[in-house]
Amino acid sequence: MTIVSFLLIAWILSWFKFEQLFIQALKELFNKEVTKATYYFVFFCIGVIGDITLLLNGTFYDYL
């Protein structure tokens, strides 16, 4: 459920052009070309980490 939440947050932030800020920041920090796919992948990974944390804490099934 956390994965879906973070992807939804990424989508809503993209309405305000946050993905362009994110892509530009990564380009300046790491000198790498990134795309919108990277933007959504980062939010996906944060969601996965959140789901794993909930699973390890035993509270994963409380949210379902």
PDB file of N, CA and C in Angstrom:
ATOM      1  N   MET A   1       0.817  -1.190   0.000  1.00  0.00           N
ATOM      2  CA  MET A   1       0.000   0.000   0.000  1.00  0.00           C
ATOM      3  C   MET A   1       0.866   1.262   0.000  1.00  0.00           C
ATOM      4  N   THR A   2       2.003   1.182   0.650  1.00  0.00           N
ATOM      5  CA  THR A   2       2.895   2.334   0.695  1.00  0.00           C
ATOM      6  C   THR A   2       3.444   2.655  -0.693  1.00  0.00           C
ATOM      7  N   ILE A   3       3.665   1.614  -1.496  1.00  0.00           N
ATOM      8  CA  ILE A   3       4.174   1.826  -2.851  1.00  0.00           C
ATOM      9  C   ILE A   3       3.189   2.670  -3.652  1.00  0.00           C
ATOM     10  N   VAL A   4       1.924   2.307  -3.579  1.00  0.00           N
ATOM     11  CA  VAL A   4       0.892   3.043  -4.309  1.00  0.00           C
ATOM     12  C   VAL A   4       0.808   4.478  -3.797  1.00  0.00           C
ATOM     13  N   SER A   5       0.914   4.651  -2.487  1.00  0.00           N
ATOM     14  CA  SER A   5       0.849   5.990  -1.900  1.00  0.00           C
ATOM     15  C   SER A   5       1.975   6.880  -2.419  1.00  0.00           C
ATOM     16  N   PHE A   6       3.190   6.349  -2.461  1.00  0.00           N
ATOM     17  CA  PHE A   6       4.314   7.161  -2.916  1.00  0.00           C
ATOM     18  C   PHE A   6       4.259   7.432  -4.413  1.00  0.00           C
ATOM     19  N   LEU A   7       3.760   6.479  -5.191  1.00  0.00           N
ATOM     20  CA  LEU A   7       3.596   6.742  -6.623  1.00  0.00           C
ATOM     21  C   LEU A   7       2.518   7.798  -6.861  1.00  0.00           C
ATOM     22  N   LEU A   8       1.477   7.780  -6.044  1.00  0.00           N
ATOM     23  CA  LEU A   8       0.439   8.801  -6.136  1.00  0.00           C
ATOM     24  C   LEU A   8       0.995  10.170  -5.758  1.00  0.00           C
ATOM     25  N   ILE A   9       1.834  10.217  -4.732  1.00  0.00           N
ATOM     26  CA  ILE A   9       2.483  11.468  -4.337  1.00  0.00           C
ATOM     27  C   ILE A   9       3.370  11.984  -5.471  1.00  0.00           C
ATOM     28  N   ALA A  10       4.118  11.083  -6.109  1.00  0.00           N
ATOM     29  CA  ALA A  10       4.976  11.488  -7.231  1.00  0.00           C
ATOM     30  C   ALA A  10       4.148  12.050  -8.370  1.00  0.00           C
ATOM     31  N   TRP A  11       3.024  11.424  -8.646  1.00  0.00           N
ATOM     32  CA  TRP A  11       2.151  11.889  -9.724  1.00  0.00           C
ATOM     33  C   TRP A  11       1.576  13.266  -9.409  1.00  0.00           C
ATOM     34  N   ILE A  12       1.135  13.470  -8.168  1.00  0.00           N
ATOM     35  CA  ILE A  12       0.589  14.770  -7.772  1.00  0.00           C
ATOM     36  C   ILE A  12       1.672  15.847  -7.817  1.00  0.00           C
ATOM     37  N   LEU A  13       2.878  15.525  -7.353  1.00  0.00           N
ATOM     38  CA  LEU A  13       3.971  16.492  -7.409  1.00  0.00           C
ATOM     39  C   LEU A  13       4.347  16.845  -8.847  1.00  0.00           C
ATOM     40  N   SER A  14       4.135  15.906  -9.765  1.00  0.00           N
ATOM     41  CA  SER A  14       4.459  16.195 -11.163  1.00  0.00           C
ATOM     42  C   SER A  14       3.523  17.252 -11.750  1.00  0.00           C
ATOM     43  N   TRP A  15       2.340  17.445 -11.179  1.00  0.00           N
ATOM     44  CA  TRP A  15       1.438  18.510 -11.617  1.00  0.00           C
ATOM     45  C   TRP A  15       2.080  19.880 -11.403  1.00  0.00           C
ATOM     46  N   PHE A  16       2.958  19.961 -10.382  1.00  0.00           N
ATOM     47  CA  PHE A  16       3.607  21.217 -10.041  1.00  0.00           C
ATOM     48  C   PHE A  16       5.043  21.276 -10.557  1.00  0.00           C
ATOM     49  N   LYS A  17       5.358  20.413 -11.530  1.00  0.00           N
ATOM     50  CA  LYS A  17       6.667  20.376 -12.201  1.00  0.00           C
ATOM     51  C   LYS A  17       7.815  20.002 -11.257  1.00  0.00           C
ATOM     52  N   PHE A  18       7.497  19.231 -10.210  1.00  0.00           N
ATOM     53  CA  PHE A  18       8.542  18.808  -9.283  1.00  0.00           C
ATOM     54  C   PHE A  18       9.527  17.860  -9.947  1.00  0.00           C
ATOM     55  N   GLU A  19       9.054  17.071 -10.928  1.00  0.00           N
ATOM     56  CA  GLU A  19       9.960  16.121 -11.565  1.00  0.00           C
ATOM     57  C   GLU A  19      11.066  16.843 -12.319  1.00  0.00           C
ATOM     58  N   GLN A  20      10.792  18.014 -12.870  1.00  0.00           N
ATOM     59  CA  GLN A  20      11.830  18.779 -13.551  1.00  0.00           C
ATOM     60  C   GLN A  20      12.886  19.257 -12.557  1.00  0.00           C
ATOM     61  N   LEU A  21      12.448  19.680 -11.381  1.00  0.00           N
ATOM     62  CA  LEU A  21      13.376  20.086 -10.327  1.00  0.00           C
ATOM     63  C   LEU A  21      14.231  18.909  -9.887  1.00  0.00           C
ATOM     64  N   PHE A  22      13.600  17.756  -9.719  1.00  0.00           N
ATOM     65  CA  PHE A  22      14.288  16.545  -9.296  1.00  0.00           C
ATOM     66  C   PHE A  22      15.331  16.115 -10.333  1.00  0.00           C
ATOM     67  N   ILE A  23      14.930  16.111 -11.599  1.00  0.00           N
ATOM     68  CA  ILE A  23      15.835  15.711 -12.681  1.00  0.00           C
ATOM     69  C   ILE A  23      17.015  16.672 -12.780  1.00  0.00           C
ATOM     70  N   GLN A  24      16.753  17.963 -12.671  1.00  0.00           N
ATOM     71  CA  GLN A  24      17.826  18.957 -12.727  1.00  0.00           C
ATOM     72  C   GLN A  24      18.776  18.817 -11.541  1.00  0.00           C
ATOM     73  N   ALA A  25      18.228  18.543 -10.367  1.00  0.00           N
ATOM     74  CA  ALA A  25      19.072  18.381  -9.175  1.00  0.00           C
ATOM     75  C   ALA A  25      19.989  17.167  -9.321  1.00  0.00           C
ATOM     76  N   LEU A  26      19.448  16.052  -9.793  1.00  0.00           N
ATOM     77  CA  LEU A  26      20.297  14.876  -9.986  1.00  0.00           C
ATOM     78  C   LEU A  26      21.354  15.108 -11.054  1.00  0.00           C
ATOM     79  N   LYS A  27      20.989  15.863 -12.082  1.00  0.00           N
ATOM     80  CA  LYS A  27      21.946  16.165 -13.147  1.00  0.00           C
ATOM     81  C   LYS A  27      23.105  16.991 -12.600  1.00  0.00           C
ATOM     82  N   GLU A  28      22.797  17.969 -11.751  1.00  0.00           N
ATOM     83  CA  GLU A  28      23.847  18.828 -11.204  1.00  0.00           C
ATOM     84  C   GLU A  28      24.664  18.122 -10.131  1.00  0.00           C
ATOM     85  N   LEU A  29      24.022  17.295  -9.324  1.00  0.00           N
ATOM     86  CA  LEU A  29      24.738  16.621  -8.240  1.00  0.00           C
ATOM     87  C   LEU A  29      25.637  15.496  -8.737  1.00  0.00           C
ATOM     88  N   PHE A  30      25.132  14.686  -9.659  1.00  0.00           N
ATOM     89  CA  PHE A  30      25.849  13.485 -10.064  1.00  0.00           C
ATOM     90  C   PHE A  30      26.316  13.513 -11.514  1.00  0.00           C
ATOM     91  N   ASN A  31      26.017  14.582 -12.236  1.00  0.00           N
ATOM     92  CA  ASN A  31      26.422  14.736 -13.625  1.00  0.00           C
ATOM     93  C   ASN A  31      25.955  13.558 -14.486  1.00  0.00           C
ATOM     94  N   LYS A  32      24.712  13.124 -14.237  1.00  0.00           N
ATOM     95  CA  LYS A  32      24.115  12.017 -14.979  1.00  0.00           C
ATOM     96  C   LYS A  32      22.816  12.481 -15.620  1.00  0.00           C
ATOM     97  N   GLU A  33      22.543  11.975 -16.803  1.00  0.00           N
ATOM     98  CA  GLU A  33      21.272  12.244 -17.457  1.00  0.00           C
ATOM     99  C   GLU A  33      20.225  11.293 -16.895  1.00  0.00           C
ATOM    100  N   VAL A  34      19.132  11.833 -16.390  1.00  0.00           N
ATOM    101  CA  VAL A  34      18.044  11.015 -15.866  1.00  0.00           C
ATOM    102  C   VAL A  34      16.745  11.427 -16.546  1.00  0.00           C
ATOM    103  N   THR A  35      15.749  10.559 -16.449  1.00  0.00           N
ATOM    104  CA  THR A  35      14.466  10.800 -17.099  1.00  0.00           C
ATOM    105  C   THR A  35      13.351  10.758 -16.057  1.00  0.00           C
ATOM    106  N   LYS A  36      12.132  10.903 -16.538  1.00  0.00           N
ATOM    107  CA  LYS A  36      10.973  10.794 -15.649  1.00  0.00           C
ATOM    108  C   LYS A  36      10.857   9.388 -15.069  1.00  0.00           C
ATOM    109  N   ALA A  37      11.350   8.406 -15.789  1.00  0.00           N
ATOM    110  CA  ALA A  37      11.321   7.031 -15.286  1.00  0.00           C
ATOM    111  C   ALA A  37      12.142   6.918 -14.004  1.00  0.00           C
ATOM    112  N   THR A  38      13.267   7.611 -13.951  1.00  0.00           N
ATOM    113  CA  THR A  38      14.086   7.626 -12.739  1.00  0.00           C
ATOM    114  C   THR A  38      13.341   8.283 -11.599  1.00  0.00           C
ATOM    115  N   TYR A  39      12.638   9.355 -11.893  1.00  0.00           N
ATOM    116  CA  TYR A  39      11.837  10.073 -10.898  1.00  0.00           C
ATOM    117  C   TYR A  39      10.817   9.135 -10.258  1.00  0.00           C
ATOM    118  N   TYR A  40      10.065   8.422 -11.076  1.00  0.00           N
ATOM    119  CA  TYR A  40       9.059   7.506 -10.538  1.00  0.00           C
ATOM    120  C   TYR A  40       9.700   6.293  -9.874  1.00  0.00           C
ATOM    121  N   PHE A  41      10.843   5.847 -10.378  1.00  0.00           N
ATOM    122  CA  PHE A  41      11.536   4.715  -9.776  1.00  0.00           C
ATOM    123  C   PHE A  41      12.014   5.044  -8.366  1.00  0.00           C
ATOM    124  N   VAL A  42      12.481   6.257  -8.152  1.00  0.00           N
ATOM    125  CA  VAL A  42      12.921   6.666  -6.812  1.00  0.00           C
ATOM    126  C   VAL A  42      11.740   6.633  -5.835  1.00  0.00           C
ATOM    127  N   PHE A  43      10.590   7.143  -6.251  1.00  0.00           N
ATOM    128  CA  PHE A  43       9.416   7.102  -5.383  1.00  0.00           C
ATOM    129  C   PHE A  43       8.950   5.662  -5.164  1.00  0.00           C
ATOM    130  N   PHE A  44       9.073   4.817  -6.188  1.00  0.00           N
ATOM    131  CA  PHE A  44       8.739   3.406  -6.042  1.00  0.00           C
ATOM    132  C   PHE A  44       9.642   2.750  -4.994  1.00  0.00           C
ATOM    133  N   CYS A  45      10.935   3.027  -5.051  1.00  0.00           N
ATOM    134  CA  CYS A  45      11.888   2.450  -4.097  1.00  0.00           C
ATOM    135  C   CYS A  45      11.602   2.914  -2.670  1.00  0.00           C
ATOM    136  N   ILE A  46      11.243   4.179  -2.507  1.00  0.00           N
ATOM    137  CA  ILE A  46      10.886   4.668  -1.182  1.00  0.00           C
ATOM    138  C   ILE A  46       9.656   3.925  -0.666  1.00  0.00           C
ATOM    139  N   GLY A  47       8.693   3.674  -1.543  1.00  0.00           N
ATOM    140  CA  GLY A  47       7.507   2.915  -1.156  1.00  0.00           C
ATOM    141  C   GLY A  47       7.837   1.483  -0.774  1.00  0.00           C
ATOM    142  N   VAL A  48       8.747   0.858  -1.513  1.00  0.00           N
ATOM    143  CA  VAL A  48       9.162  -0.510  -1.188  1.00  0.00           C
ATOM    144  C   VAL A  48       9.831  -0.553   0.174  1.00  0.00           C
ATOM    145  N   ILE A  49      10.684   0.408   0.443  1.00  0.00           N
ATOM    146  CA  ILE A  49      11.348   0.469   1.749  1.00  0.00           C
ATOM    147  C   ILE A  49      10.312   0.654   2.859  1.00  0.00           C
ATOM    148  N   GLY A  50       9.305   1.484   2.595  1.00  0.00           N
ATOM    149  CA  GLY A  50       8.236   1.674   3.577  1.00  0.00           C
ATOM    150  C   GLY A  50       7.450   0.402   3.825  1.00  0.00           C
ATOM    151  N   ASP A  51       7.134  -0.341   2.764  1.00  0.00           N
ATOM    152  CA  ASP A  51       6.410  -1.607   2.916  1.00  0.00           C
ATOM    153  C   ASP A  51       7.240  -2.639   3.665  1.00  0.00           C
ATOM    154  N   ILE A  52       8.525  -2.712   3.367  1.00  0.00           N
ATOM    155  CA  ILE A  52       9.399  -3.656   4.073  1.00  0.00           C
ATOM    156  C   ILE A  52       9.482  -3.294   5.553  1.00  0.00           C
ATOM    157  N   THR A  53       9.569  -2.012   5.843  1.00  0.00           N
ATOM    158  CA  THR A  53       9.615  -1.563   7.239  1.00  0.00           C
ATOM    159  C   THR A  53       8.335  -1.945   7.971  1.00  0.00           C
ATOM    160  N   LEU A  54       7.193  -1.725   7.338  1.00  0.00           N
ATOM    161  CA  LEU A  54       5.920  -2.114   7.961  1.00  0.00           C
ATOM    162  C   LEU A  54       5.844  -3.619   8.162  1.00  0.00           C
ATOM    163  N   LEU A  55       6.341  -4.378   7.204  1.00  0.00           N
ATOM    164  CA  LEU A  55       6.317  -5.831   7.312  1.00  0.00           C
ATOM    165  C   LEU A  55       7.188  -6.315   8.460  1.00  0.00           C
ATOM    166  N   LEU A  56       8.372  -5.740   8.593  1.00  0.00           N
ATOM    167  CA  LEU A  56       9.281  -6.147   9.669  1.00  0.00           C
ATOM    168  C   LEU A  56       8.788  -5.719  11.042  1.00  0.00           C
ATOM    169  N   ASN A  57       8.058  -4.618  11.102  1.00  0.00           N
ATOM    170  CA  ASN A  57       7.498  -4.170  12.374  1.00  0.00           C
ATOM    171  C   ASN A  57       6.242  -4.935  12.757  1.00  0.00           C
ATOM    172  N   GLY A  58       5.707  -5.716  11.834  1.00  0.00           N
ATOM    173  CA  GLY A  58       4.500  -6.483  12.110  1.00  0.00           C
ATOM    174  C   GLY A  58       3.232  -5.680  11.967  1.00  0.00           C
ATOM    175  N   THR A  59       3.301  -4.478  11.416  1.00  0.00           N
ATOM    176  CA  THR A  59       2.117  -3.634  11.277  1.00  0.00           C
ATOM    177  C   THR A  59       1.611  -3.587   9.848  1.00  0.00           C
ATOM    178  N   PHE A  60       2.184  -4.390   8.956  1.00  0.00           N
ATOM    179  CA  PHE A  60       1.801  -4.365   7.546  1.00  0.00           C
ATOM    180  C   PHE A  60       0.337  -4.734   7.364  1.00  0.00           C
ATOM    181  N   TYR A  61      -0.108  -5.764   8.061  1.00  0.00           N
ATOM    182  CA  TYR A  61      -1.471  -6.240   7.897  1.00  0.00           C
ATOM    183  C   TYR A  61      -2.488  -5.376   8.612  1.00  0.00           C
ATOM    184  N   ASP A  62      -2.053  -4.475   9.478  1.00  0.00           N
ATOM    185  CA  ASP A  62      -2.972  -3.541  10.130  1.00  0.00           C
ATOM    186  C   ASP A  62      -3.510  -2.520   9.141  1.00  0.00           C
ATOM    187  N   TYR A  63      -2.754  -2.243   8.074  1.00  0.00           N
ATOM    188  CA  TYR A  63      -3.143  -1.243   7.095  1.00  0.00           C
ATOM    189  C   TYR A  63      -4.014  -1.814   5.983  1.00  0.00           C
ATOM    190  N   LEU A  64      -4.105  -3.126   5.883  1.00  0.00           N
ATOM    191  CA  LEU A  64      -4.896  -3.737   4.814  1.00  0.00           C
ATOM    192  C   LEU A  64      -6.290  -3.950   5.218  1.00  0.00           C
TER     193      LEU A  64
END
